[in-house]
N, C-alpha and C. Protein backbone atom coordinates (compact mmCIF):
# COMPACT_ATOMS: atom_id res chain seq x y z
N MET A 1 63.72 -11.17 43.70
CA MET A 1 62.92 -10.56 42.74
C MET A 1 63.14 -9.37 42.24
N ALA A 2 63.09 -9.44 40.77
CA ALA A 2 63.14 -8.27 40.13
C ALA A 2 62.31 -7.13 40.27
N VAL A 3 62.91 -5.72 40.33
CA VAL A 3 62.41 -4.57 40.64
C VAL A 3 61.61 -4.30 39.19
N MET A 4 60.30 -3.94 39.30
CA MET A 4 59.37 -3.52 38.18
C MET A 4 59.64 -2.18 37.82
N ASP A 5 59.76 -1.99 36.56
CA ASP A 5 59.99 -0.73 35.76
C ASP A 5 58.65 -0.06 35.48
N VAL A 6 58.19 0.86 36.37
CA VAL A 6 56.79 1.36 36.42
C VAL A 6 56.65 2.14 35.28
N ASP A 7 57.61 2.67 34.44
CA ASP A 7 57.42 3.52 33.09
C ASP A 7 56.79 2.02 32.19
N GLU A 8 57.21 0.84 32.10
CA GLU A 8 56.92 0.14 31.20
C GLU A 8 55.43 -0.27 31.01
N PRO A 9 54.65 -0.62 32.16
CA PRO A 9 53.14 -0.75 31.80
C PRO A 9 52.56 0.49 31.39
N VAL A 10 52.87 1.73 31.90
CA VAL A 10 52.41 2.81 31.40
C VAL A 10 52.59 3.21 29.73
N ASP A 11 53.80 2.82 29.35
CA ASP A 11 54.25 3.04 28.20
C ASP A 11 53.25 1.98 27.19
N ARG A 12 53.43 0.75 27.65
CA ARG A 12 52.61 -0.16 26.92
C ARG A 12 51.03 0.15 26.70
N VAL A 13 50.24 0.48 27.76
CA VAL A 13 48.88 0.98 27.69
C VAL A 13 48.78 2.31 26.77
N PHE A 14 49.77 3.12 27.05
CA PHE A 14 49.67 4.31 26.05
C PHE A 14 49.84 4.03 24.60
N ARG A 15 50.67 3.16 24.26
CA ARG A 15 50.91 2.74 23.00
C ARG A 15 49.76 2.22 22.28
N ALA A 16 49.23 1.02 23.09
CA ALA A 16 48.03 0.35 22.78
C ALA A 16 46.91 1.33 22.32
N LEU A 17 46.90 2.30 23.31
CA LEU A 17 45.56 3.26 23.13
C LEU A 17 45.89 4.04 21.70
N CYS A 18 47.11 4.41 21.58
CA CYS A 18 47.48 5.27 20.43
C CYS A 18 47.16 4.29 19.15
N GLU A 19 47.37 3.13 19.25
CA GLU A 19 47.29 2.32 17.99
C GLU A 19 45.90 1.56 17.85
N GLY A 20 45.18 1.97 18.86
CA GLY A 20 43.65 1.15 18.79
C GLY A 20 43.57 -0.21 19.11
N ARG A 21 44.49 -0.55 19.83
CA ARG A 21 44.61 -2.12 20.41
C ARG A 21 43.79 -1.92 21.75
N LEU A 22 43.59 -0.93 22.49
CA LEU A 22 42.73 -0.78 23.79
C LEU A 22 41.79 0.23 23.40
N THR A 23 40.61 0.13 24.14
CA THR A 23 39.65 1.37 23.83
C THR A 23 39.52 2.06 25.31
N ARG A 24 38.59 2.93 25.37
CA ARG A 24 38.31 3.46 26.66
C ARG A 24 37.53 2.40 27.58
N ASP A 25 36.88 1.66 26.82
CA ASP A 25 36.06 0.53 27.58
C ASP A 25 37.01 -0.59 28.13
N ASP A 26 38.43 -0.61 27.73
CA ASP A 26 39.17 -1.37 28.19
C ASP A 26 39.90 -0.90 29.53
N LEU A 27 39.57 0.54 29.90
CA LEU A 27 40.27 1.33 30.86
C LEU A 27 39.78 0.82 32.33
N THR A 28 39.60 -0.48 32.63
CA THR A 28 39.31 -0.86 34.07
C THR A 28 40.62 -1.56 34.48
N ALA A 29 40.50 -1.76 36.04
CA ALA A 29 41.62 -2.22 36.47
C ALA A 29 41.94 -3.90 35.98
N ARG A 30 40.63 -4.33 35.97
CA ARG A 30 40.53 -6.11 35.64
C ARG A 30 41.35 -6.00 34.09
N LYS A 31 40.75 -5.30 33.15
CA LYS A 31 41.04 -5.35 31.62
C LYS A 31 42.40 -4.92 31.51
N ILE A 32 42.98 -3.80 32.25
CA ILE A 32 44.24 -3.39 32.17
C ILE A 32 45.41 -4.30 32.49
N ALA A 33 45.07 -4.87 33.77
CA ALA A 33 45.89 -6.17 34.14
C ALA A 33 45.89 -7.09 33.32
N ALA A 34 44.89 -7.49 32.58
CA ALA A 34 44.69 -8.83 31.75
C ALA A 34 45.55 -8.45 30.52
N PHE A 35 45.65 -7.24 30.06
CA PHE A 35 46.44 -7.08 28.94
C PHE A 35 47.92 -6.91 29.42
N LEU A 36 48.24 -6.50 30.64
CA LEU A 36 49.71 -6.44 30.93
C LEU A 36 49.89 -7.78 31.50
N GLY A 37 49.34 -8.92 31.41
CA GLY A 37 49.72 -10.13 32.02
C GLY A 37 50.01 -10.04 33.46
N GLN A 38 49.22 -9.36 34.21
CA GLN A 38 49.52 -9.14 35.57
C GLN A 38 48.12 -9.22 36.48
N THR A 39 48.11 -9.03 37.81
CA THR A 39 46.83 -9.05 38.61
C THR A 39 46.68 -7.53 38.69
N THR A 40 45.56 -7.41 39.24
CA THR A 40 45.16 -5.99 39.58
C THR A 40 46.09 -5.48 40.75
N MET A 41 46.63 -6.10 41.60
CA MET A 41 47.53 -5.84 42.47
C MET A 41 48.81 -4.89 41.76
N VAL A 42 49.10 -5.15 40.64
CA VAL A 42 50.35 -4.35 40.11
C VAL A 42 49.91 -2.96 40.06
N LEU A 43 48.47 -2.49 40.02
CA LEU A 43 48.07 -1.22 39.75
C LEU A 43 48.06 -0.58 41.13
N TYR A 44 47.73 -1.34 42.20
CA TYR A 44 47.41 -0.69 43.36
C TYR A 44 48.77 -0.45 44.16
N HIS A 45 49.68 -1.67 43.85
CA HIS A 45 51.10 -1.67 44.64
C HIS A 45 51.98 -0.63 44.12
N HIS A 46 51.91 -0.30 42.65
CA HIS A 46 52.99 0.48 42.10
C HIS A 46 52.40 1.98 41.91
N PHE A 47 50.98 2.12 41.82
CA PHE A 47 50.31 3.34 41.36
C PHE A 47 49.27 3.82 42.32
N GLY A 48 49.12 2.93 43.29
CA GLY A 48 48.19 3.63 44.29
C GLY A 48 46.68 3.10 44.20
N SER A 49 46.40 3.22 42.76
CA SER A 49 44.95 3.29 42.33
C SER A 49 44.93 2.94 40.95
N LEU A 50 43.77 2.97 40.57
CA LEU A 50 43.46 2.76 39.01
C LEU A 50 43.68 4.36 38.63
N ASP A 51 43.21 5.45 39.19
CA ASP A 51 43.42 6.65 38.70
C ASP A 51 44.85 6.97 38.81
N GLY A 52 45.72 6.44 39.67
CA GLY A 52 47.00 6.88 39.82
C GLY A 52 47.61 6.09 38.72
N PHE A 53 47.29 4.99 38.10
CA PHE A 53 47.86 4.52 36.88
C PHE A 53 47.69 5.36 35.54
N LEU A 54 46.34 5.65 35.68
CA LEU A 54 45.91 6.15 34.44
C LEU A 54 46.22 7.69 34.23
N ILE A 55 46.57 8.30 35.27
CA ILE A 55 47.00 9.58 35.23
C ILE A 55 48.24 9.66 34.38
N ARG A 56 49.09 8.52 34.67
CA ARG A 56 50.45 8.62 34.03
C ARG A 56 50.18 8.37 32.51
N VAL A 57 49.37 7.60 32.15
CA VAL A 57 48.80 7.36 30.66
C VAL A 57 48.58 8.48 30.08
N ASP A 58 47.63 9.40 30.91
CA ASP A 58 47.14 10.73 30.41
C ASP A 58 48.18 11.55 30.36
N GLY A 59 49.15 11.68 31.08
CA GLY A 59 50.17 12.59 31.04
C GLY A 59 51.18 12.27 29.86
N ALA A 60 51.39 10.95 29.29
CA ALA A 60 52.01 10.59 28.37
C ALA A 60 51.40 11.08 27.26
N GLY A 61 50.07 11.22 27.18
CA GLY A 61 49.41 11.55 26.10
C GLY A 61 49.46 13.18 25.81
N TRP A 62 49.63 13.89 26.95
CA TRP A 62 50.00 15.43 26.94
C TRP A 62 51.29 15.45 26.25
N ARG A 63 52.20 14.72 27.03
CA ARG A 63 53.72 15.15 26.57
C ARG A 63 53.80 14.80 24.93
N ARG A 64 53.07 13.70 24.49
CA ARG A 64 53.18 13.36 23.14
C ARG A 64 52.58 14.56 22.35
N LEU A 65 51.21 15.19 22.59
CA LEU A 65 50.76 16.11 21.94
C LEU A 65 51.75 17.41 22.16
N ALA A 66 52.31 17.68 23.28
CA ALA A 66 53.14 18.81 23.56
C ALA A 66 54.48 18.51 22.60
N GLU A 67 55.02 17.59 22.37
CA GLU A 67 56.11 17.29 21.28
C GLU A 67 55.57 17.55 19.98
N ILE A 68 54.64 17.13 19.70
CA ILE A 68 54.20 17.12 18.30
C ILE A 68 53.97 18.68 17.98
N LEU A 69 53.59 19.33 18.73
CA LEU A 69 53.24 20.76 18.49
C LEU A 69 54.41 21.61 18.66
N GLU A 70 55.37 21.38 19.39
CA GLU A 70 56.71 22.11 19.57
C GLU A 70 57.67 21.79 18.35
N ALA A 71 57.43 20.37 17.89
CA ALA A 71 58.48 19.89 16.50
C ALA A 71 57.89 20.88 15.49
N ARG A 72 56.56 21.01 15.31
CA ARG A 72 55.88 21.70 14.40
C ARG A 72 56.26 23.49 14.30
N ALA A 73 56.10 23.69 15.64
CA ALA A 73 56.44 24.85 15.79
C ALA A 73 57.98 25.44 15.43
N ARG A 74 58.58 24.74 15.76
CA ARG A 74 60.09 24.82 15.31
C ARG A 74 60.43 24.59 13.61
N ALA A 75 59.61 23.80 13.29
CA ALA A 75 59.58 23.71 11.83
C ALA A 75 58.85 25.15 11.10
N GLY A 76 58.38 25.93 11.64
CA GLY A 76 57.95 27.22 11.10
C GLY A 76 56.24 27.14 11.07
N ASP A 77 55.67 26.16 11.59
CA ASP A 77 54.39 26.28 11.61
C ASP A 77 53.54 27.41 12.41
N ASN A 78 52.52 28.02 11.71
CA ASN A 78 51.96 29.19 12.58
C ASN A 78 50.94 28.75 13.39
N ALA A 79 50.31 29.50 14.24
CA ALA A 79 49.36 28.96 15.39
C ALA A 79 48.24 28.35 14.69
N ARG A 80 47.60 28.81 13.42
CA ARG A 80 46.46 28.23 12.81
C ARG A 80 46.83 26.60 12.56
N ALA A 81 48.32 26.41 12.14
CA ALA A 81 48.46 25.00 11.74
C ALA A 81 48.68 24.16 13.17
N LEU A 82 49.00 24.89 14.20
CA LEU A 82 49.01 24.16 15.22
C LEU A 82 47.82 23.72 16.08
N ALA A 83 46.69 24.67 15.76
CA ALA A 83 45.48 24.63 16.29
C ALA A 83 44.76 23.13 15.56
N VAL A 84 45.14 23.19 14.26
CA VAL A 84 44.61 22.07 13.37
C VAL A 84 45.36 20.84 13.73
N SER A 85 46.65 21.03 14.25
CA SER A 85 47.28 19.61 14.48
C SER A 85 46.78 19.19 15.79
N TYR A 86 46.24 20.07 16.81
CA TYR A 86 45.67 19.48 18.06
C TYR A 86 44.41 18.71 17.66
N VAL A 87 43.40 19.32 17.03
CA VAL A 87 42.40 18.45 16.51
C VAL A 87 42.60 17.19 15.78
N GLU A 88 43.67 17.26 14.76
CA GLU A 88 43.95 15.90 14.21
C GLU A 88 44.55 15.02 15.25
N PHE A 89 45.39 15.40 16.42
CA PHE A 89 45.82 14.37 17.39
C PHE A 89 44.47 13.51 17.83
N ALA A 90 43.53 14.56 18.22
CA ALA A 90 42.31 14.00 18.74
C ALA A 90 41.53 12.97 18.05
N LEU A 91 41.41 13.21 16.78
CA LEU A 91 40.52 12.68 15.91
C LEU A 91 41.38 11.40 15.36
N ARG A 92 42.84 11.23 15.43
CA ARG A 92 43.57 10.15 15.15
C ARG A 92 43.45 9.32 16.26
N HIS A 93 43.61 9.78 17.49
CA HIS A 93 43.66 8.83 18.68
C HIS A 93 42.31 9.26 19.79
N PRO A 94 41.13 8.84 19.38
CA PRO A 94 39.94 8.98 20.02
C PRO A 94 39.79 8.56 21.47
N ASP A 95 40.47 7.53 21.62
CA ASP A 95 40.15 6.75 23.05
C ASP A 95 41.47 7.29 24.02
N LEU A 96 42.54 7.64 23.56
CA LEU A 96 43.45 8.26 24.03
C LEU A 96 43.01 9.78 24.46
N TYR A 97 42.45 10.28 23.66
CA TYR A 97 42.16 11.59 23.70
C TYR A 97 40.90 11.69 24.96
N TRP A 98 39.99 10.64 24.88
CA TRP A 98 38.97 10.85 25.80
C TRP A 98 39.53 10.49 27.18
N LEU A 99 40.64 9.86 27.24
CA LEU A 99 41.19 9.61 28.61
C LEU A 99 41.80 11.13 29.16
N MET A 100 42.41 11.56 28.03
CA MET A 100 43.30 13.18 28.40
C MET A 100 42.41 13.84 28.69
N ALA A 101 41.13 14.09 27.91
CA ALA A 101 40.39 15.37 28.20
C ALA A 101 39.08 15.07 28.64
N GLU A 102 38.44 13.91 28.87
CA GLU A 102 37.13 13.73 29.58
C GLU A 102 37.02 12.93 30.59
N ARG A 103 37.87 11.86 30.77
CA ARG A 103 37.74 11.08 31.81
C ARG A 103 37.92 11.85 33.21
N ARG A 104 36.88 11.62 34.05
CA ARG A 104 36.95 12.42 35.25
C ARG A 104 37.97 11.59 36.10
N PHE A 105 38.93 12.55 36.91
CA PHE A 105 40.01 11.89 37.86
C PHE A 105 39.44 12.57 39.22
N ASP A 106 39.98 11.80 40.18
CA ASP A 106 39.87 12.47 41.47
C ASP A 106 41.09 13.23 41.83
N ARG A 107 41.31 14.47 41.23
CA ARG A 107 42.39 15.11 41.05
C ARG A 107 42.85 15.69 42.56
N ALA A 108 42.09 15.88 43.50
CA ALA A 108 42.32 16.25 44.86
C ALA A 108 43.08 15.50 45.72
N ARG A 109 42.63 14.07 45.33
CA ARG A 109 43.30 13.04 46.07
C ARG A 109 44.64 12.77 45.20
N LEU A 110 44.50 12.57 43.75
CA LEU A 110 45.81 12.45 43.27
C LEU A 110 46.98 13.60 43.53
N ARG A 111 46.63 14.81 43.89
CA ARG A 111 47.30 15.94 44.18
C ARG A 111 47.91 15.74 45.53
N ASP A 112 47.06 15.31 46.53
CA ASP A 112 47.42 14.89 47.92
C ASP A 112 48.55 13.80 47.91
N GLU A 113 48.22 12.90 46.95
CA GLU A 113 49.37 11.74 46.99
C GLU A 113 50.57 12.10 46.29
N GLY A 114 50.60 13.23 45.74
CA GLY A 114 51.97 13.79 45.13
C GLY A 114 51.87 13.10 43.36
N ARG A 115 50.83 12.68 42.77
CA ARG A 115 50.75 12.35 41.44
C ARG A 115 50.45 13.22 40.58
N LEU A 116 50.43 14.55 40.71
CA LEU A 116 50.27 15.44 39.69
C LEU A 116 51.41 16.10 39.44
N ARG A 117 52.63 15.66 39.74
CA ARG A 117 53.93 16.50 39.74
C ARG A 117 54.31 17.28 38.55
N LEU A 118 53.77 16.25 37.33
CA LEU A 118 54.35 16.86 36.05
C LEU A 118 53.15 17.86 35.21
N ALA A 119 52.13 17.70 36.15
CA ALA A 119 51.00 18.71 35.47
C ALA A 119 51.16 20.15 35.09
N ARG A 120 51.88 20.69 36.08
CA ARG A 120 52.16 22.14 36.05
C ARG A 120 53.34 22.26 34.75
N PRO A 121 54.49 21.58 34.90
CA PRO A 121 55.51 21.58 33.82
C PRO A 121 54.77 21.69 32.21
N LEU A 122 54.09 20.43 32.32
CA LEU A 122 53.19 20.15 30.82
C LEU A 122 52.34 21.57 30.48
N TRP A 123 51.51 22.09 31.32
CA TRP A 123 50.95 23.12 31.25
C TRP A 123 51.84 24.34 30.68
N GLY A 124 52.92 24.43 31.31
CA GLY A 124 53.98 25.52 31.04
C GLY A 124 54.50 25.26 29.57
N ALA A 125 54.58 24.13 29.13
CA ALA A 125 54.88 23.97 27.57
C ALA A 125 54.06 24.46 26.73
N PHE A 126 52.53 24.15 26.98
CA PHE A 126 51.64 24.84 26.14
C PHE A 126 51.56 26.43 26.26
N VAL A 127 51.71 26.78 27.62
CA VAL A 127 51.58 28.37 27.63
C VAL A 127 52.85 28.93 26.67
N GLU A 128 54.03 28.42 26.92
CA GLU A 128 54.95 29.13 26.21
C GLU A 128 54.73 29.09 24.63
N LEU A 129 54.31 27.90 24.26
CA LEU A 129 53.79 28.11 22.72
C LEU A 129 53.10 29.02 22.49
N ALA A 130 52.11 29.33 23.21
CA ALA A 130 51.19 30.55 22.96
C ALA A 130 51.83 31.96 22.94
N ARG A 131 52.88 32.02 24.10
CA ARG A 131 53.56 33.22 24.09
C ARG A 131 54.43 33.30 22.84
N ARG A 132 54.92 32.60 22.66
CA ARG A 132 55.97 32.49 21.32
C ARG A 132 54.98 32.75 19.98
N HIS A 133 53.84 32.51 19.88
CA HIS A 133 52.90 32.70 18.96
C HIS A 133 52.28 34.17 19.06
N GLY A 134 52.64 34.94 19.75
CA GLY A 134 52.14 36.22 19.85
C GLY A 134 51.31 36.82 20.79
N SER A 135 50.88 35.78 21.84
CA SER A 135 50.09 36.02 22.90
C SER A 135 50.79 36.91 24.21
N ALA A 136 49.96 38.18 24.33
CA ALA A 136 50.26 38.91 25.38
C ALA A 136 49.88 38.52 26.96
N ARG A 137 48.87 37.45 26.81
CA ARG A 137 48.19 36.79 28.03
C ARG A 137 48.44 35.49 27.76
N PRO A 138 49.50 34.93 27.72
CA PRO A 138 49.55 33.42 27.31
C PRO A 138 48.81 32.37 28.27
N ALA A 139 48.97 32.73 29.46
CA ALA A 139 48.25 31.42 30.48
C ALA A 139 46.46 31.61 30.05
N GLU A 140 46.13 32.96 30.03
CA GLU A 140 44.60 32.80 29.72
C GLU A 140 44.26 32.44 28.29
N ASP A 141 45.35 32.55 27.23
CA ASP A 141 44.83 32.35 25.91
C ASP A 141 45.02 30.96 25.92
N THR A 142 46.02 30.38 26.41
CA THR A 142 45.96 28.83 26.58
C THR A 142 44.66 28.17 27.26
N ASP A 143 44.22 28.77 28.09
CA ASP A 143 42.82 28.18 28.70
C ASP A 143 41.93 28.37 27.58
N VAL A 144 41.62 29.53 26.77
CA VAL A 144 40.74 29.56 25.83
C VAL A 144 41.05 28.82 24.71
N LEU A 145 42.30 28.42 24.37
CA LEU A 145 42.43 27.62 23.26
C LEU A 145 42.38 26.15 23.45
N PHE A 146 42.58 25.78 24.85
CA PHE A 146 42.08 24.59 25.21
C PHE A 146 40.81 24.29 25.27
N ALA A 147 39.81 25.00 25.92
CA ALA A 147 38.48 24.99 25.69
C ALA A 147 37.82 24.89 24.48
N GLY A 148 38.13 25.80 23.49
CA GLY A 148 37.77 26.07 22.04
C GLY A 148 38.17 24.60 21.36
N LEU A 149 39.40 24.39 21.29
CA LEU A 149 40.03 23.18 20.48
C LEU A 149 39.46 21.85 21.03
N HIS A 150 39.07 21.74 22.28
CA HIS A 150 38.48 20.69 22.95
C HIS A 150 37.02 20.62 22.34
N GLY A 151 36.36 21.62 22.40
CA GLY A 151 35.17 21.56 21.92
C GLY A 151 34.93 21.16 20.65
N ILE A 152 35.77 21.72 19.69
CA ILE A 152 35.77 21.35 18.42
C ILE A 152 35.90 19.97 17.89
N ALA A 153 37.16 19.36 18.66
CA ALA A 153 37.54 17.91 18.84
C ALA A 153 36.23 17.11 19.29
N ALA A 154 35.70 17.37 20.25
CA ALA A 154 34.47 16.67 20.71
C ALA A 154 33.39 16.79 19.92
N LEU A 155 32.91 17.80 19.42
CA LEU A 155 32.06 17.86 18.50
C LEU A 155 32.14 16.88 17.26
N THR A 156 33.25 16.91 16.84
CA THR A 156 33.78 16.01 15.67
C THR A 156 33.62 14.65 15.94
N LEU A 157 34.08 14.44 16.86
CA LEU A 157 34.23 12.98 17.50
C LEU A 157 32.81 12.33 17.56
N SER A 158 31.91 13.28 17.84
CA SER A 158 30.52 12.90 17.97
C SER A 158 29.82 12.84 16.92
N GLY A 159 30.30 13.35 15.76
CA GLY A 159 29.47 13.57 14.64
C GLY A 159 28.58 14.90 14.27
N ARG A 160 28.88 15.92 15.40
CA ARG A 160 28.38 17.20 15.27
C ARG A 160 29.08 18.29 14.93
N ALA A 161 30.06 18.31 14.36
CA ALA A 161 31.05 19.50 13.75
C ALA A 161 30.19 20.01 12.74
N ASN A 162 29.51 19.28 11.95
CA ASN A 162 28.93 20.03 10.73
C ASN A 162 27.37 20.10 10.90
N VAL A 163 26.70 20.42 11.86
CA VAL A 163 25.34 20.49 12.12
C VAL A 163 24.84 21.64 11.23
N GLY A 164 25.60 22.67 11.03
CA GLY A 164 25.29 23.70 10.34
C GLY A 164 25.14 23.43 8.60
N GLU A 165 25.42 22.28 8.30
CA GLU A 165 25.49 21.89 6.92
C GLU A 165 26.37 22.72 6.23
N ALA A 166 27.57 23.22 6.68
CA ALA A 166 28.50 23.82 6.19
C ALA A 166 29.21 22.99 4.84
N PRO A 167 29.74 23.54 3.83
CA PRO A 167 30.38 22.47 2.71
C PRO A 167 31.56 21.64 3.26
N GLY A 168 31.70 20.45 3.03
CA GLY A 168 32.71 19.92 3.54
C GLY A 168 32.46 18.69 4.35
N VAL A 169 33.08 17.83 4.66
CA VAL A 169 33.00 16.81 5.86
C VAL A 169 33.42 17.16 7.02
N ASP A 170 33.16 16.42 8.27
CA ASP A 170 33.03 16.95 9.42
C ASP A 170 34.60 17.53 9.86
N ALA A 171 35.38 16.63 9.44
CA ALA A 171 36.91 17.28 9.67
C ALA A 171 37.44 18.42 9.00
N GLN A 172 36.79 18.47 7.98
CA GLN A 172 37.35 19.83 7.14
C GLN A 172 36.87 21.13 8.05
N VAL A 173 35.37 20.97 8.24
CA VAL A 173 34.73 22.01 9.06
C VAL A 173 35.42 22.10 10.43
N ALA A 174 35.78 21.09 11.01
CA ALA A 174 36.64 21.13 12.34
C ALA A 174 37.81 22.07 12.15
N PHE A 175 38.61 21.56 11.16
CA PHE A 175 39.78 22.26 11.01
C PHE A 175 39.66 23.67 10.48
N ALA A 176 38.82 24.11 9.84
CA ALA A 176 38.46 25.42 9.38
C ALA A 176 38.29 26.31 10.74
N ALA A 177 37.33 25.53 11.77
CA ALA A 177 37.01 26.19 13.07
C ALA A 177 38.32 26.50 13.92
N ALA A 178 38.88 25.35 13.88
CA ALA A 178 40.25 25.62 14.69
C ALA A 178 41.14 26.63 13.94
N ARG A 179 41.45 26.94 12.85
CA ARG A 179 42.03 27.82 12.32
C ARG A 179 41.55 29.12 12.56
N ARG A 180 40.19 29.30 12.46
CA ARG A 180 39.49 30.60 12.87
C ARG A 180 39.75 30.74 14.53
N LEU A 181 39.71 29.87 15.26
CA LEU A 181 39.73 30.12 16.51
C LEU A 181 41.50 30.75 16.94
N ALA A 182 42.20 30.22 16.46
CA ALA A 182 43.60 30.58 16.39
C ALA A 182 43.76 32.31 15.90
N ASP A 183 43.05 32.38 14.79
CA ASP A 183 42.93 33.77 14.45
C ASP A 183 42.65 34.76 15.40
N LEU A 184 41.44 34.26 16.35
CA LEU A 184 40.69 35.13 17.17
C LEU A 184 41.49 35.15 18.38
N VAL A 185 42.10 34.30 18.88
CA VAL A 185 42.94 34.18 20.18
C VAL A 185 44.28 34.54 19.76
N LEU A 186 44.89 34.29 18.75
CA LEU A 186 46.48 34.78 18.53
C LEU A 186 46.66 35.49 17.39
N PRO A 187 45.95 36.77 17.30
CA PRO A 187 46.10 37.35 15.90
C PRO A 187 47.19 38.00 15.69
N GLY A 188 48.26 38.24 16.51
CA GLY A 188 49.28 38.86 16.23
C GLY A 188 50.52 37.97 15.51
N ARG A 189 51.77 38.66 15.24
CA ARG A 189 52.84 38.06 14.59
C ARG A 189 53.24 37.16 15.73
N PRO A 190 53.75 35.88 15.19
CA PRO A 190 54.86 35.20 16.37
C PRO A 190 55.92 35.93 16.86
N ALA A 191 55.86 35.54 18.17
CA ALA A 191 56.98 36.11 18.90
C ALA A 191 58.47 35.27 18.54
N GLU A 192 59.54 35.83 18.28
CA GLU A 192 60.70 35.06 17.83
C GLU A 192 61.27 34.40 19.27
N PRO A 193 61.43 33.18 19.21
CA PRO A 193 62.14 32.46 20.41
C PRO A 193 63.32 33.04 20.57
N PRO A 194 63.83 32.97 21.79
CA PRO A 194 65.36 33.60 22.10
C PRO A 194 66.29 32.82 21.34
N ASP A 195 67.13 33.57 20.90
CA ASP A 195 68.26 33.19 20.19
C ASP A 195 69.36 32.50 21.15
N PRO A 196 69.64 31.35 21.15
CA PRO A 196 70.70 30.86 22.11
C PRO A 196 71.94 31.34 21.81
N HIS A 197 72.24 31.72 20.66
CA HIS A 197 73.57 32.18 20.38
C HIS A 197 73.90 33.56 20.38
N ALA A 198 72.64 34.23 20.83
CA ALA A 198 72.87 36.06 20.68
C ALA A 198 73.96 36.29 21.78
N GLY A 199 74.89 37.16 21.47
CA GLY A 199 76.16 37.74 22.29
C GLY A 199 77.02 36.82 22.16
N ALA A 200 77.13 35.47 21.53
CA ALA A 200 78.11 34.55 21.82
C ALA A 200 79.25 34.97 21.06
N ASP A 201 79.30 36.09 20.28
CA ASP A 201 80.46 36.47 19.69
C ASP A 201 81.14 37.79 20.56
N ARG A 202 80.44 38.21 21.58
CA ARG A 202 81.02 39.25 22.28
C ARG A 202 82.30 38.82 23.35
N ALA A 203 83.05 39.79 23.69
CA ALA A 203 83.88 39.61 24.49
C ALA A 203 83.45 39.10 25.84
N PRO A 204 83.65 38.15 26.67
CA PRO A 204 83.28 38.16 28.08
C PRO A 204 83.61 39.40 28.91
N GLN A 205 82.55 39.55 29.77
CA GLN A 205 82.80 40.77 30.55
C GLN A 205 83.71 39.93 32.00
N ARG A 206 84.43 41.10 32.41
CA ARG A 206 85.21 40.76 33.59
C ARG A 206 84.70 41.03 34.66
N SER A 207 84.45 40.46 35.90
CA SER A 207 83.88 40.86 37.18
C SER A 207 84.78 41.65 37.97
N GLY A 208 84.25 42.48 38.74
CA GLY A 208 84.91 43.23 39.48
C GLY A 208 85.60 44.54 38.69
């Protein structure tokens, strides 16, 4: 019997959510198994539970978002542009974002089962972005940015971003709010990333 590549079903469901071929209503064990052409036992045997499977898809979403923000930061985008990119991601992939930011997981059980190993490194990637964009307290500022940007995204997805009847459509109001949040949380100049070539032309130091 061939050994199953456990990354393959995770990737298939992740891509289907990105592309709108699956929605949040399809994220049940029975519907996911049918989509994969398997029985529900594939989820329980390889991932322990439906939560164990979906937390992997959740992680794929956060990795994709971190990669997008990192690429744009390296291209020179400032904190305001990165905040808008977060909201854009949520609006472009609403069902994936719901899984990432709103679906309730039994995180205590997943932690006990060792299924949250990637959570801290992923969190660290976002904290590092905040540090590089001028934060003196990057972990706390990342908390604030996540809370604020999620609120903006959630209000926009529910049609409530523009309740004050500000000029512009919901998305434009949301992007303006995201930029303002970035100004408030990260008002300083971006910190320069470390130069990997710094000191490369210096003579090596001898030990002893």
